[in-house]
mmCIF file of all heavy atoms, coordinates in Angstrom:
data_MODEL
# 
_entry.id   MODEL 
# 
loop_
_atom_site.group_PDB 
_atom_site.id 
_atom_site.type_symbol 
_atom_site.label_atom_id 
_atom_site.label_alt_id 
_atom_site.label_comp_id 
_atom_site.label_asym_id 
_atom_site.label_entity_id 
_atom_site.label_seq_id 
_atom_site.pdbx_PDB_ins_code 
_atom_site.Cartn_x 
_atom_site.Cartn_y 
_atom_site.Cartn_z 
_atom_site.occupancy 
_atom_site.B_iso_or_equiv 
_atom_site.pdbx_formal_charge 
_atom_site.auth_seq_id 
_atom_site.auth_comp_id 
_atom_site.auth_asym_id 
_atom_site.auth_atom_id 
_atom_site.pdbx_PDB_model_num 
ATOM 1   N N   . VAL A 1 1  ? 5.333   69.577 101.516 1.00 0.00 ? 1  VAL A N   1 
ATOM 2   C CA  . VAL A 1 1  ? 4.228   70.379 102.047 1.00 0.00 ? 1  VAL A CA  1 
ATOM 3   C C   . VAL A 1 1  ? 3.114   69.476 102.566 1.00 0.00 ? 1  VAL A C   1 
ATOM 4   O O   . VAL A 1 1  ? 2.545   69.712 103.640 1.00 0.00 ? 1  VAL A O   1 
ATOM 5   C CB  . VAL A 1 1  ? 3.686   71.347 100.968 1.00 0.00 ? 1  VAL A CB  1 
ATOM 6   C CG1 . VAL A 1 1  ? 2.391   72.008 101.434 1.00 0.00 ? 1  VAL A CG1 1 
ATOM 7   C CG2 . VAL A 1 1  ? 4.729   72.406 100.644 1.00 0.00 ? 1  VAL A CG2 1 
ATOM 8   N N   . LYS A 1 2  ? 2.805   68.426 101.818 1.00 0.00 ? 2  LYS A N   1 
ATOM 9   C CA  . LYS A 1 2  ? 1.753   67.505 102.234 1.00 0.00 ? 2  LYS A CA  1 
ATOM 10  C C   . LYS A 1 2  ? 2.156   66.721 103.471 1.00 0.00 ? 2  LYS A C   1 
ATOM 11  O O   . LYS A 1 2  ? 1.317   66.412 104.330 1.00 0.00 ? 2  LYS A O   1 
ATOM 12  C CB  . LYS A 1 2  ? 1.411   66.546 101.094 1.00 0.00 ? 2  LYS A CB  1 
ATOM 13  C CG  . LYS A 1 2  ? 0.134   65.755 101.345 1.00 0.00 ? 2  LYS A CG  1 
ATOM 14  C CD  . LYS A 1 2  ? -0.324  65.006 100.101 1.00 0.00 ? 2  LYS A CD  1 
ATOM 15  C CE  . LYS A 1 2  ? -1.653  64.310 100.350 1.00 0.00 ? 2  LYS A CE  1 
ATOM 16  N NZ  . LYS A 1 2  ? -2.144  63.617 99.140  1.00 0.00 ? 2  LYS A NZ  1 
ATOM 17  N N   . THR A 1 3  ? 3.439   66.404 103.605 1.00 0.00 ? 3  THR A N   1 
ATOM 18  C CA  . THR A 1 3  ? 3.930   65.685 104.783 1.00 0.00 ? 3  THR A CA  1 
ATOM 19  C C   . THR A 1 3  ? 3.692   66.495 106.056 1.00 0.00 ? 3  THR A C   1 
ATOM 20  O O   . THR A 1 3  ? 3.300   65.965 107.095 1.00 0.00 ? 3  THR A O   1 
ATOM 21  C CB  . THR A 1 3  ? 5.436   65.379 104.646 1.00 0.00 ? 3  THR A CB  1 
ATOM 22  O OG1 . THR A 1 3  ? 5.644   64.533 103.514 1.00 0.00 ? 3  THR A OG1 1 
ATOM 23  C CG2 . THR A 1 3  ? 5.969   64.686 105.898 1.00 0.00 ? 3  THR A CG2 1 
ATOM 24  N N   . VAL A 1 4  ? 3.908   67.801 105.975 1.00 0.00 ? 4  VAL A N   1 
ATOM 25  C CA  . VAL A 1 4  ? 3.768   68.677 107.147 1.00 0.00 ? 4  VAL A CA  1 
ATOM 26  C C   . VAL A 1 4  ? 2.312   69.056 107.404 1.00 0.00 ? 4  VAL A C   1 
ATOM 27  O O   . VAL A 1 4  ? 1.846   69.025 108.547 1.00 0.00 ? 4  VAL A O   1 
ATOM 28  C CB  . VAL A 1 4  ? 4.621   69.954 106.969 1.00 0.00 ? 4  VAL A CB  1 
ATOM 29  C CG1 . VAL A 1 4  ? 4.378   70.922 108.137 1.00 0.00 ? 4  VAL A CG1 1 
ATOM 30  C CG2 . VAL A 1 4  ? 6.096   69.605 106.872 1.00 0.00 ? 4  VAL A CG2 1 
ATOM 31  N N   . SER A 1 5  ? 1.585   69.402 106.346 1.00 0.00 ? 5  SER A N   1 
ATOM 32  C CA  . SER A 1 5  ? 0.251   69.989 106.524 1.00 0.00 ? 5  SER A CA  1 
ATOM 33  C C   . SER A 1 5  ? -0.909  69.054 106.209 1.00 0.00 ? 5  SER A C   1 
ATOM 34  O O   . SER A 1 5  ? -2.043  69.333 106.593 1.00 0.00 ? 5  SER A O   1 
ATOM 35  C CB  . SER A 1 5  ? 0.122   71.235 105.645 1.00 0.00 ? 5  SER A CB  1 
ATOM 36  O OG  . SER A 1 5  ? 0.099   70.878 104.266 1.00 0.00 ? 5  SER A OG  1 
ATOM 37  N N   . GLY A 1 6  ? -0.629  67.986 105.476 1.00 0.00 ? 6  GLY A N   1 
ATOM 38  C CA  . GLY A 1 6  ? -1.716  67.097 105.081 1.00 0.00 ? 6  GLY A CA  1 
ATOM 39  C C   . GLY A 1 6  ? -2.373  67.502 103.781 1.00 0.00 ? 6  GLY A C   1 
ATOM 40  O O   . GLY A 1 6  ? -3.282  66.829 103.289 1.00 0.00 ? 6  GLY A O   1 
ATOM 41  N N   . ASN A 1 7  ? -1.937  68.632 103.211 1.00 0.00 ? 7  ASN A N   1 
ATOM 42  C CA  . ASN A 1 7  ? -2.486  69.132 101.952 1.00 0.00 ? 7  ASN A CA  1 
ATOM 43  C C   . ASN A 1 7  ? -1.353  69.484 100.988 1.00 0.00 ? 7  ASN A C   1 
ATOM 44  O O   . ASN A 1 7  ? -0.277  69.908 101.429 1.00 0.00 ? 7  ASN A O   1 
ATOM 45  C CB  . ASN A 1 7  ? -3.338  70.381 102.184 1.00 0.00 ? 7  ASN A CB  1 
ATOM 46  C CG  . ASN A 1 7  ? -4.603  70.083 102.978 1.00 0.00 ? 7  ASN A CG  1 
ATOM 47  O OD1 . ASN A 1 7  ? -5.464  69.332 102.534 1.00 0.00 ? 7  ASN A OD1 1 
ATOM 48  N ND2 . ASN A 1 7  ? -4.709  70.653 104.169 1.00 0.00 ? 7  ASN A ND2 1 
ATOM 49  N N   . PRO A 1 8  ? -1.591  69.343 99.678  1.00 0.00 ? 8  PRO A N   1 
ATOM 50  C CA  . PRO A 1 8  ? -0.548  69.686 98.708  1.00 0.00 ? 8  PRO A CA  1 
ATOM 51  C C   . PRO A 1 8  ? -0.311  71.184 98.636  1.00 0.00 ? 8  PRO A C   1 
ATOM 52  O O   . PRO A 1 8  ? -1.097  71.979 99.162  1.00 0.00 ? 8  PRO A O   1 
ATOM 53  C CB  . PRO A 1 8  ? -1.123  69.146 97.391  1.00 0.00 ? 8  PRO A CB  1 
ATOM 54  C CG  . PRO A 1 8  ? -2.600  69.183 97.585  1.00 0.00 ? 8  PRO A CG  1 
ATOM 55  C CD  . PRO A 1 8  ? -2.814  68.829 99.035  1.00 0.00 ? 8  PRO A CD  1 
ATOM 56  N N   . ALA A 1 9  ? 0.762   71.554 97.977  1.00 0.00 ? 9  ALA A N   1 
ATOM 57  C CA  . ALA A 1 9  ? 1.126   72.970 97.876  1.00 0.00 ? 9  ALA A CA  1 
ATOM 58  C C   . ALA A 1 9  ? 0.035   73.787 97.201  1.00 0.00 ? 9  ALA A C   1 
ATOM 59  O O   . ALA A 1 9  ? -0.234  74.929 97.592  1.00 0.00 ? 9  ALA A O   1 
ATOM 60  C CB  . ALA A 1 9  ? 2.448   73.107 97.119  1.00 0.00 ? 9  ALA A CB  1 
ATOM 61  N N   . SER A 1 10 ? -0.618  73.225 96.190  1.00 0.00 ? 10 SER A N   1 
ATOM 62  C CA  . SER A 1 10 ? -1.661  73.953 95.470  1.00 0.00 ? 10 SER A CA  1 
ATOM 63  C C   . SER A 1 10 ? -2.812  74.355 96.389  1.00 0.00 ? 10 SER A C   1 
ATOM 64  O O   . SER A 1 10 ? -3.430  75.411 96.209  1.00 0.00 ? 10 SER A O   1 
ATOM 65  C CB  . SER A 1 10 ? -2.196  73.112 94.302  1.00 0.00 ? 10 SER A CB  1 
ATOM 66  O OG  . SER A 1 10 ? -2.713  71.871 94.780  1.00 0.00 ? 10 SER A OG  1 
ATOM 67  N N   . PHE A 1 11 ? -3.117  73.512 97.383  1.00 0.00 ? 11 PHE A N   1 
ATOM 68  C CA  . PHE A 1 11 ? -4.182  73.812 98.335  1.00 0.00 ? 11 PHE A CA  1 
ATOM 69  C C   . PHE A 1 11 ? -3.890  75.122 99.063  1.00 0.00 ? 11 PHE A C   1 
ATOM 70  O O   . PHE A 1 11 ? -4.764  75.988 99.206  1.00 0.00 ? 11 PHE A O   1 
ATOM 71  C CB  . PHE A 1 11 ? -4.306  72.670 99.353  1.00 0.00 ? 11 PHE A CB  1 
ATOM 72  C CG  . PHE A 1 11 ? -5.246  72.949 100.501 1.00 0.00 ? 11 PHE A CG  1 
ATOM 73  C CD1 . PHE A 1 11 ? -6.587  72.626 100.413 1.00 0.00 ? 11 PHE A CD1 1 
ATOM 74  C CD2 . PHE A 1 11 ? -4.775  73.537 101.673 1.00 0.00 ? 11 PHE A CD2 1 
ATOM 75  C CE1 . PHE A 1 11 ? -7.458  72.881 101.469 1.00 0.00 ? 11 PHE A CE1 1 
ATOM 76  C CE2 . PHE A 1 11 ? -5.626  73.794 102.729 1.00 0.00 ? 11 PHE A CE2 1 
ATOM 77  C CZ  . PHE A 1 11 ? -6.970  73.473 102.633 1.00 0.00 ? 11 PHE A CZ  1 
ATOM 78  N N   . HIS A 1 12 ? -2.662  75.292 99.536  1.00 0.00 ? 12 HIS A N   1 
ATOM 79  C CA  . HIS A 1 12 ? -2.291  76.489 100.289 1.00 0.00 ? 12 HIS A CA  1 
ATOM 80  C C   . HIS A 1 12 ? -2.302  77.735 99.409  1.00 0.00 ? 12 HIS A C   1 
ATOM 81  O O   . HIS A 1 12 ? -2.717  78.816 99.854  1.00 0.00 ? 12 HIS A O   1 
ATOM 82  C CB  . HIS A 1 12 ? -0.917  76.292 100.923 1.00 0.00 ? 12 HIS A CB  1 
ATOM 83  C CG  . HIS A 1 12 ? -0.888  75.206 101.939 1.00 0.00 ? 12 HIS A CG  1 
ATOM 84  N ND1 . HIS A 1 12 ? -1.277  75.396 103.253 1.00 0.00 ? 12 HIS A ND1 1 
ATOM 85  C CD2 . HIS A 1 12 ? -0.537  73.895 101.841 1.00 0.00 ? 12 HIS A CD2 1 
ATOM 86  C CE1 . HIS A 1 12 ? -1.169  74.260 103.922 1.00 0.00 ? 12 HIS A CE1 1 
ATOM 87  N NE2 . HIS A 1 12 ? -0.714  73.335 103.088 1.00 0.00 ? 12 HIS A NE2 1 
ATOM 88  N N   . ILE A 1 13 ? -1.852  77.583 98.175  1.00 0.00 ? 13 ILE A N   1 
ATOM 89  C CA  . ILE A 1 13 ? -1.857  78.720 97.258  1.00 0.00 ? 13 ILE A CA  1 
ATOM 90  C C   . ILE A 1 13 ? -3.285  79.182 96.993  1.00 0.00 ? 13 ILE A C   1 
ATOM 91  O O   . ILE A 1 13 ? -3.614  80.370 97.098  1.00 0.00 ? 13 ILE A O   1 
ATOM 92  C CB  . ILE A 1 13 ? -1.166  78.346 95.932  1.00 0.00 ? 13 ILE A CB  1 
ATOM 93  C CG1 . ILE A 1 13 ? 0.300   77.981 96.170  1.00 0.00 ? 13 ILE A CG1 1 
ATOM 94  C CG2 . ILE A 1 13 ? -1.258  79.514 94.942  1.00 0.00 ? 13 ILE A CG2 1 
ATOM 95  C CD1 . ILE A 1 13 ? 0.994   77.376 94.955  1.00 0.00 ? 13 ILE A CD1 1 
ATOM 96  N N   . LYS A 1 14 ? -4.160  78.232 96.652  1.00 0.00 ? 14 LYS A N   1 
ATOM 97  C CA  . LYS A 1 14 ? -5.551  78.560 96.330  1.00 0.00 ? 14 LYS A CA  1 
ATOM 98  C C   . LYS A 1 14 ? -6.281  79.173 97.517  1.00 0.00 ? 14 LYS A C   1 
ATOM 99  O O   . LYS A 1 14 ? -7.013  80.162 97.378  1.00 0.00 ? 14 LYS A O   1 
ATOM 100 C CB  . LYS A 1 14 ? -6.284  77.313 95.850  1.00 0.00 ? 14 LYS A CB  1 
ATOM 101 C CG  . LYS A 1 14 ? -5.810  76.790 94.509  1.00 0.00 ? 14 LYS A CG  1 
ATOM 102 C CD  . LYS A 1 14 ? -6.522  75.491 94.151  1.00 0.00 ? 14 LYS A CD  1 
ATOM 103 C CE  . LYS A 1 14 ? -6.045  74.947 92.814  1.00 0.00 ? 14 LYS A CE  1 
ATOM 104 N NZ  . LYS A 1 14 ? -6.692  73.650 92.483  1.00 0.00 ? 14 LYS A NZ  1 
ATOM 105 N N   . HIS A 1 15 ? -6.100  78.575 98.696  1.00 0.00 ? 15 HIS A N   1 
ATOM 106 C CA  . HIS A 1 15 ? -6.829  79.068 99.861  1.00 0.00 ? 15 HIS A CA  1 
ATOM 107 C C   . HIS A 1 15 ? -6.296  80.418 100.347 1.00 0.00 ? 15 HIS A C   1 
ATOM 108 O O   . HIS A 1 15 ? -7.055  81.210 100.916 1.00 0.00 ? 15 HIS A O   1 
ATOM 109 C CB  . HIS A 1 15 ? -6.786  78.024 100.980 1.00 0.00 ? 15 HIS A CB  1 
ATOM 110 C CG  . HIS A 1 15 ? -7.774  76.923 100.789 1.00 0.00 ? 15 HIS A CG  1 
ATOM 111 N ND1 . HIS A 1 15 ? -9.016  76.919 101.376 1.00 0.00 ? 15 HIS A ND1 1 
ATOM 112 C CD2 . HIS A 1 15 ? -7.723  75.801 100.026 1.00 0.00 ? 15 HIS A CD2 1 
ATOM 113 C CE1 . HIS A 1 15 ? -9.688  75.847 101.003 1.00 0.00 ? 15 HIS A CE1 1 
ATOM 114 N NE2 . HIS A 1 15 ? -8.927  75.148 100.188 1.00 0.00 ? 15 HIS A NE2 1 
ATOM 115 N N   . HIS A 1 16 ? -5.031  80.682 100.112 1.00 0.00 ? 16 HIS A N   1 
ATOM 116 C CA  . HIS A 1 16 ? -4.508  82.001 100.463 1.00 0.00 ? 16 HIS A CA  1 
ATOM 117 C C   . HIS A 1 16 ? -5.115  83.059 99.540  1.00 0.00 ? 16 HIS A C   1 
ATOM 118 O O   . HIS A 1 16 ? -5.483  84.151 99.990  1.00 0.00 ? 16 HIS A O   1 
ATOM 119 C CB  . HIS A 1 16 ? -2.976  82.018 100.346 1.00 0.00 ? 16 HIS A CB  1 
ATOM 120 C CG  . HIS A 1 16 ? -2.347  83.118 101.124 1.00 0.00 ? 16 HIS A CG  1 
ATOM 121 N ND1 . HIS A 1 16 ? -1.562  82.901 102.239 1.00 0.00 ? 16 HIS A ND1 1 
ATOM 122 C CD2 . HIS A 1 16 ? -2.406  84.460 100.977 1.00 0.00 ? 16 HIS A CD2 1 
ATOM 123 C CE1 . HIS A 1 16 ? -1.161  84.051 102.729 1.00 0.00 ? 16 HIS A CE1 1 
ATOM 124 N NE2 . HIS A 1 16 ? -1.660  85.018 101.979 1.00 0.00 ? 16 HIS A NE2 1 
ATOM 125 N N   . ILE A 1 17 ? -5.232  82.732 98.253  1.00 0.00 ? 17 ILE A N   1 
ATOM 126 C CA  . ILE A 1 17 ? -5.839  83.669 97.302  1.00 0.00 ? 17 ILE A CA  1 
ATOM 127 C C   . ILE A 1 17 ? -7.303  83.925 97.665  1.00 0.00 ? 17 ILE A C   1 
ATOM 128 O O   . ILE A 1 17 ? -7.765  85.072 97.664  1.00 0.00 ? 17 ILE A O   1 
ATOM 129 C CB  . ILE A 1 17 ? -5.738  83.102 95.870  1.00 0.00 ? 17 ILE A CB  1 
ATOM 130 C CG1 . ILE A 1 17 ? -4.273  83.048 95.429  1.00 0.00 ? 17 ILE A CG1 1 
ATOM 131 C CG2 . ILE A 1 17 ? -6.543  83.964 94.896  1.00 0.00 ? 17 ILE A CG2 1 
ATOM 132 C CD1 . ILE A 1 17 ? -4.054  82.294 94.125  1.00 0.00 ? 17 ILE A CD1 1 
ATOM 133 N N   . VAL A 1 18 ? -8.030  82.863 97.983  1.00 0.00 ? 18 VAL A N   1 
ATOM 134 C CA  . VAL A 1 18 ? -9.447  82.996 98.333  1.00 0.00 ? 18 VAL A CA  1 
ATOM 135 C C   . VAL A 1 18 ? -9.629  83.802 99.617  1.00 0.00 ? 18 VAL A C   1 
ATOM 136 O O   . VAL A 1 18 ? -10.528 84.643 99.713  1.00 0.00 ? 18 VAL A O   1 
ATOM 137 C CB  . VAL A 1 18 ? -10.109 81.609 98.466  1.00 0.00 ? 18 VAL A CB  1 
ATOM 138 C CG1 . VAL A 1 18 ? -11.453 81.717 99.167  1.00 0.00 ? 18 VAL A CG1 1 
ATOM 139 C CG2 . VAL A 1 18 ? -10.294 80.987 97.097  1.00 0.00 ? 18 VAL A CG2 1 
ATOM 140 N N   . MET A 1 19 ? -8.772  83.546 100.621 1.00 0.00 ? 19 MET A N   1 
ATOM 141 C CA  . MET A 1 19 ? -8.888  84.310 101.864 1.00 0.00 ? 19 MET A CA  1 
ATOM 142 C C   . MET A 1 19 ? -8.652  85.792 101.610 1.00 0.00 ? 19 MET A C   1 
ATOM 143 O O   . MET A 1 19 ? -9.353  86.656 102.155 1.00 0.00 ? 19 MET A O   1 
ATOM 144 C CB  . MET A 1 19 ? -7.887  83.789 102.901 1.00 0.00 ? 19 MET A CB  1 
ATOM 145 C CG  . MET A 1 19 ? -7.898  84.564 104.215 1.00 0.00 ? 19 MET A CG  1 
ATOM 146 S SD  . MET A 1 19 ? -9.545  84.686 104.981 1.00 0.00 ? 19 MET A SD  1 
ATOM 147 C CE  . MET A 1 19 ? -9.765  83.002 105.544 1.00 0.00 ? 19 MET A CE  1 
ATOM 148 N N   . GLU A 1 20 ? -7.682  86.103 100.762 1.00 0.00 ? 20 GLU A N   1 
ATOM 149 C CA  . GLU A 1 20 ? -7.430  87.504 100.437 1.00 0.00 ? 20 GLU A CA  1 
ATOM 150 C C   . GLU A 1 20 ? -8.616  88.101 99.691  1.00 0.00 ? 20 GLU A C   1 
ATOM 151 O O   . GLU A 1 20 ? -8.987  89.261 99.924  1.00 0.00 ? 20 GLU A O   1 
ATOM 152 C CB  . GLU A 1 20 ? -6.164  87.634 99.596  1.00 0.00 ? 20 GLU A CB  1 
ATOM 153 C CG  . GLU A 1 20 ? -5.762  89.063 99.281  1.00 0.00 ? 20 GLU A CG  1 
ATOM 154 C CD  . GLU A 1 20 ? -5.400  89.875 100.516 1.00 0.00 ? 20 GLU A CD  1 
ATOM 155 O OE1 . GLU A 1 20 ? -5.135  89.270 101.588 1.00 0.00 ? 20 GLU A OE1 1 
ATOM 156 O OE2 . GLU A 1 20 ? -5.377  91.121 100.423 1.00 0.00 ? 20 GLU A OE2 1 
ATOM 157 N N   . ALA A 1 21 ? -9.237  87.322 98.817  1.00 0.00 ? 21 ALA A N   1 
ATOM 158 C CA  . ALA A 1 21 ? -10.420 87.792 98.090  1.00 0.00 ? 21 ALA A CA  1 
ATOM 159 C C   . ALA A 1 21 ? -11.547 88.113 99.067  1.00 0.00 ? 21 ALA A C   1 
ATOM 160 O O   . ALA A 1 21 ? -12.248 89.120 98.924  1.00 0.00 ? 21 ALA A O   1 
ATOM 161 C CB  . ALA A 1 21 ? -10.867 86.733 97.086  1.00 0.00 ? 21 ALA A CB  1 
ATOM 162 N N   . LYS A 1 22 ? -11.739 87.269 100.067 1.00 0.00 ? 22 LYS A N   1 
ATOM 163 C CA  . LYS A 1 22 ? -12.780 87.500 101.069 1.00 0.00 ? 22 LYS A CA  1 
ATOM 164 C C   . LYS A 1 22 ? -12.478 88.758 101.884 1.00 0.00 ? 22 LYS A C   1 
ATOM 165 O O   . LYS A 1 22 ? -13.383 89.534 102.206 1.00 0.00 ? 22 LYS A O   1 
ATOM 166 C CB  . LYS A 1 22 ? -12.882 86.286 101.995 1.00 0.00 ? 22 LYS A CB  1 
ATOM 167 C CG  . LYS A 1 22 ? -13.454 85.046 101.319 1.00 0.00 ? 22 LYS A CG  1 
ATOM 168 C CD  . LYS A 1 22 ? -13.489 83.864 102.280 1.00 0.00 ? 22 LYS A CD  1 
ATOM 169 C CE  . LYS A 1 22 ? -14.105 82.633 101.630 1.00 0.00 ? 22 LYS A CE  1 
ATOM 170 N NZ  . LYS A 1 22 ? -14.134 81.465 102.558 1.00 0.00 ? 22 LYS A NZ  1 
ATOM 171 N N   . ARG A 1 23 ? -11.211 88.939 102.211 1.00 0.00 ? 23 ARG A N   1 
ATOM 172 C CA  . ARG A 1 23 ? -10.830 90.147 102.957 1.00 0.00 ? 23 ARG A CA  1 
ATOM 173 C C   . ARG A 1 23 ? -11.141 91.402 102.146 1.00 0.00 ? 23 ARG A C   1 
ATOM 174 O O   . ARG A 1 23 ? -11.688 92.386 102.664 1.00 0.00 ? 23 ARG A O   1 
ATOM 175 C CB  . ARG A 1 23 ? -9.338  90.106 103.293 1.00 0.00 ? 23 ARG A CB  1 
ATOM 176 C CG  . ARG A 1 23 ? -8.949  89.064 104.320 1.00 0.00 ? 23 ARG A CG  1 
ATOM 177 C CD  . ARG A 1 23 ? -7.449  88.930 104.374 1.00 0.00 ? 23 ARG A CD  1 
ATOM 178 N NE  . ARG A 1 23 ? -7.010  87.933 105.345 1.00 0.00 ? 23 ARG A NE  1 
ATOM 179 C CZ  . ARG A 1 23 ? -5.810  87.373 105.351 1.00 0.00 ? 23 ARG A CZ  1 
ATOM 180 N NH1 . ARG A 1 23 ? -4.933  87.687 104.426 1.00 0.00 ? 23 ARG A NH1 1 
ATOM 181 N NH2 . ARG A 1 23 ? -5.489  86.489 106.269 1.00 0.00 ? 23 ARG A NH2 1 
ATOM 182 N N   . LEU A 1 24 ? -10.769 91.370 100.872 1.00 0.00 ? 24 LEU A N   1 
ATOM 183 C CA  . LEU A 1 24 ? -11.005 92.532 100.011 1.00 0.00 ? 24 LEU A CA  1 
ATOM 184 C C   . LEU A 1 24 ? -12.494 92.807 99.839  1.00 0.00 ? 24 LEU A C   1 
ATOM 185 O O   . LEU A 1 24 ? -12.921 93.964 99.794  1.00 0.00 ? 24 LEU A O   1 
ATOM 186 C CB  . LEU A 1 24 ? -10.354 92.298 98.645  1.00 0.00 ? 24 LEU A CB  1 
ATOM 187 C CG  . LEU A 1 24 ? -8.825  92.264 98.621  1.00 0.00 ? 24 LEU A CG  1 
ATOM 188 C CD1 . LEU A 1 24 ? -8.322  91.849 97.240  1.00 0.00 ? 24 LEU A CD1 1 
ATOM 189 C CD2 . LEU A 1 24 ? -8.240  93.613 99.017  1.00 0.00 ? 24 LEU A CD2 1 
ATOM 190 N N   . ALA A 1 25 ? -13.285 91.739 99.761  1.00 0.00 ? 25 ALA A N   1 
ATOM 191 C CA  . ALA A 1 25 ? -14.723 91.908 99.582  1.00 0.00 ? 25 ALA A CA  1 
ATOM 192 C C   . ALA A 1 25 ? -15.392 92.469 100.821 1.00 0.00 ? 25 ALA A C   1 
ATOM 193 O O   . ALA A 1 25 ? -16.230 93.378 100.738 1.00 0.00 ? 25 ALA A O   1 
ATOM 194 C CB  . ALA A 1 25 ? -15.352 90.560 99.210  1.00 0.00 ? 25 ALA A CB  1 
ATOM 195 N N   . ILE A 1 26 ? -15.008 91.942 101.972 1.00 0.00 ? 26 ILE A N   1 
ATOM 196 C CA  . ILE A 1 26 ? -15.684 92.318 103.216 1.00 0.00 ? 26 ILE A CA  1 
ATOM 197 C C   . ILE A 1 26 ? -15.140 93.609 103.805 1.00 0.00 ? 26 ILE A C   1 
ATOM 198 O O   . ILE A 1 26 ? -15.898 94.519 104.168 1.00 0.00 ? 26 ILE A O   1 
ATOM 199 C CB  . ILE A 1 26 ? -15.557 91.182 104.246 1.00 0.00 ? 26 ILE A CB  1 
ATOM 200 C CG1 . ILE A 1 26 ? -16.286 89.936 103.728 1.00 0.00 ? 26 ILE A CG1 1 
ATOM 201 C CG2 . ILE A 1 26 ? -16.123 91.602 105.602 1.00 0.00 ? 26 ILE A CG2 1 
ATOM 202 C CD1 . ILE A 1 26 ? -16.055 88.702 104.557 1.00 0.00 ? 26 ILE A CD1 1 
ATOM 203 N N   . TRP A 1 27 ? -13.817 93.706 103.884 1.00 0.00 ? 27 TRP A N   1 
ATOM 204 C CA  . TRP A 1 27 ? -13.220 94.827 104.591 1.00 0.00 ? 27 TRP A CA  1 
ATOM 205 C C   . TRP A 1 27 ? -12.947 96.036 103.698 1.00 0.00 ? 27 TRP A C   1 
ATOM 206 O O   . TRP A 1 27 ? -12.964 97.168 104.155 1.00 0.00 ? 27 TRP A O   1 
ATOM 207 C CB  . TRP A 1 27 ? -11.945 94.398 105.287 1.00 0.00 ? 27 TRP A CB  1 
ATOM 208 C CG  . TRP A 1 27 ? -12.165 93.286 106.262 1.00 0.00 ? 27 TRP A CG  1 
ATOM 209 C CD1 . TRP A 1 27 ? -11.876 91.958 106.072 1.00 0.00 ? 27 TRP A CD1 1 
ATOM 210 C CD2 . TRP A 1 27 ? -12.734 93.379 107.572 1.00 0.00 ? 27 TRP A CD2 1 
ATOM 211 N NE1 . TRP A 1 27 ? -12.238 91.227 107.179 1.00 0.00 ? 27 TRP A NE1 1 
ATOM 212 C CE2 . TRP A 1 27 ? -12.758 92.070 108.115 1.00 0.00 ? 27 TRP A CE2 1 
ATOM 213 C CE3 . TRP A 1 27 ? -13.228 94.440 108.335 1.00 0.00 ? 27 TRP A CE3 1 
ATOM 214 C CZ2 . TRP A 1 27 ? -13.255 91.789 109.388 1.00 0.00 ? 27 TRP A CZ2 1 
ATOM 215 C CZ3 . TRP A 1 27 ? -13.720 94.162 109.602 1.00 0.00 ? 27 TRP A CZ3 1 
ATOM 216 C CH2 . TRP A 1 27 ? -13.724 92.856 110.110 1.00 0.00 ? 27 TRP A CH2 1 
ATOM 217 N N   . GLU A 1 28 ? -12.694 95.776 102.403 1.00 0.00 ? 28 GLU A N   1 
ATOM 218 C CA  . GLU A 1 28 ? -12.425 96.884 101.487 1.00 0.00 ? 28 GLU A CA  1 
ATOM 219 C C   . GLU A 1 28 ? -13.641 97.206 100.611 1.00 0.00 ? 28 GLU A C   1 
ATOM 220 O O   . GLU A 1 28 ? -13.629 98.166 99.853  1.00 0.00 ? 28 GLU A O   1 
ATOM 221 C CB  . GLU A 1 28 ? -11.230 96.538 100.586 1.00 0.00 ? 28 GLU A CB  1 
ATOM 222 C CG  . GLU A 1 28 ? -9.938  96.238 101.331 1.00 0.00 ? 28 GLU A CG  1 
ATOM 223 C CD  . GLU A 1 28 ? -9.403  97.439 102.081 1.00 0.00 ? 28 GLU A CD  1 
ATOM 224 O OE1 . GLU A 1 28 ? -9.685  98.585 101.642 1.00 0.00 ? 28 GLU A OE1 1 
ATOM 225 O OE2 . GLU A 1 28 ? -8.715  97.244 103.103 1.00 0.00 ? 28 GLU A OE2 1 
# 
């Protein structure tokens, strides 16, 4: 994952959760 994106797998998991949290806060 880091080879392709420059970030470890945990980075993508955490940021996906946070983005969903922001969506729920703003849009819902």
